[in-house]
Amino acid sequence: MSITATPITVYGADWCGDCRRAKSVLEANSVDYEYIDLEAIPTAADAAKAISGRTNIPVITFPDGTHQVEPSNAELMAKLREVGAVA
């Protein structure tokens, strides 16, 4: 069970190396997240673009209403600490 009220959501695609890397960081730290596969749900690409204003992926949304686009591992970990998803 996630400790956050609103889930962390990752908009990505399996062919995307940055998406696979971000998912690996989340999984290695036992962070619950929702994955939205933009290949399986093409209309979700519009939602990701509406959030970020860009077509780059992954787009990762957080419980505090913020998002990151193509974050480095360090940036993602810092944000996970900030929102209380990891210690």
Protein backbone atom coordinates (compact mmCIF):
# COMPACT_ATOMS: atom_id res chain seq x y z
CA MET A 1 0.00 0.00 0.00
CA SER A 2 1.30 3.42 -0.91
CA ILE A 3 1.92 5.91 1.86
CA THR A 4 0.68 8.70 -0.39
CA ALA A 5 -2.96 9.57 -0.93
CA THR A 6 -2.51 10.27 -4.64
CA PRO A 7 -0.38 7.79 -6.54
CA ILE A 8 2.78 8.55 -8.37
CA THR A 9 2.04 8.11 -12.05
CA VAL A 10 4.55 7.37 -14.80
CA TYR A 11 3.57 8.06 -18.39
CA GLY A 12 5.96 6.17 -20.62
CA ALA A 13 6.65 3.53 -23.23
CA ASP A 14 8.53 0.25 -23.06
CA TRP A 15 10.93 1.30 -25.85
CA CYS A 16 12.00 4.39 -23.87
CA GLY A 17 15.27 3.92 -21.98
CA ASP A 18 14.58 6.83 -19.62
CA CYS A 19 11.18 5.32 -18.82
CA ARG A 20 12.71 1.93 -18.00
CA ARG A 21 15.37 3.65 -15.85
CA ALA A 22 12.79 5.68 -13.90
CA LYS A 23 10.65 2.58 -13.31
CA SER A 24 13.76 0.74 -12.08
CA VAL A 25 14.44 3.50 -9.53
CA LEU A 26 10.86 3.33 -8.27
CA GLU A 27 10.86 -0.46 -8.07
CA ALA A 28 14.31 -0.64 -6.41
CA ASN A 29 12.96 1.65 -3.68
CA SER A 30 9.62 -0.19 -3.31
CA VAL A 31 7.64 2.87 -4.38
CA ASP A 32 4.07 2.19 -5.48
CA TYR A 33 3.23 3.84 -8.78
CA GLU A 34 0.76 3.67 -11.61
CA TYR A 35 2.27 3.06 -15.05
CA ILE A 36 0.45 4.37 -18.10
CA ASP A 37 1.81 2.78 -21.26
CA LEU A 38 1.51 5.34 -24.05
CA GLU A 39 1.82 2.59 -26.66
CA ALA A 40 -1.11 0.64 -25.22
CA ILE A 41 -3.20 3.78 -24.56
CA PRO A 42 -2.29 6.25 -27.34
CA THR A 43 -4.74 8.90 -26.07
CA ALA A 44 -2.75 9.04 -22.83
CA ALA A 45 0.02 10.79 -24.77
CA ASP A 46 -2.24 13.83 -24.91
CA ALA A 47 -2.66 13.70 -21.13
CA ALA A 48 1.11 13.50 -20.63
CA LYS A 49 1.65 16.44 -22.99
CA ALA A 50 -1.07 18.44 -21.21
CA ILE A 51 0.76 17.91 -17.91
CA SER A 52 4.26 18.74 -19.10
CA GLY A 53 3.73 20.90 -22.16
CA ARG A 54 6.23 18.64 -23.94
CA THR A 55 6.28 15.37 -25.84
CA ASN A 56 9.29 13.99 -23.92
CA ILE A 57 8.81 10.95 -21.70
CA PRO A 58 8.69 9.78 -19.03
CA VAL A 59 6.36 12.28 -17.43
CA ILE A 60 6.11 11.47 -13.73
CA THR A 61 3.41 13.07 -11.58
CA PHE A 62 3.56 13.28 -7.79
CA PRO A 63 1.02 13.54 -4.95
CA ASP A 64 1.91 17.20 -4.37
CA GLY A 65 0.67 18.13 -7.86
CA THR A 66 4.12 18.55 -9.39
CA HIS A 67 5.72 16.60 -12.20
CA GLN A 68 9.11 15.77 -13.67
CA VAL A 69 10.05 15.07 -17.27
CA GLU A 70 13.02 12.80 -17.96
CA PRO A 71 14.44 13.22 -14.44
CA SER A 72 17.89 11.92 -13.60
CA ASN A 73 18.04 9.23 -10.93
CA ALA A 74 19.23 11.85 -8.42
CA GLU A 75 16.39 14.25 -9.31
CA LEU A 76 13.81 11.48 -9.03
CA MET A 77 15.17 10.27 -5.68
CA ALA A 78 15.20 13.84 -4.30
CA LYS A 79 11.55 14.26 -5.29
CA LEU A 80 10.60 10.88 -3.82
CA ARG A 81 12.16 11.96 -0.52
CA GLU A 82 10.39 15.32 -0.70
CA VAL A 83 6.95 13.72 -1.11
CA GLY A 84 7.66 11.10 1.55
CA ALA A 85 7.66 8.10 -0.78
CA VAL A 86 11.11 7.04 0.47
CA ALA A 87 13.04 7.77 3.64
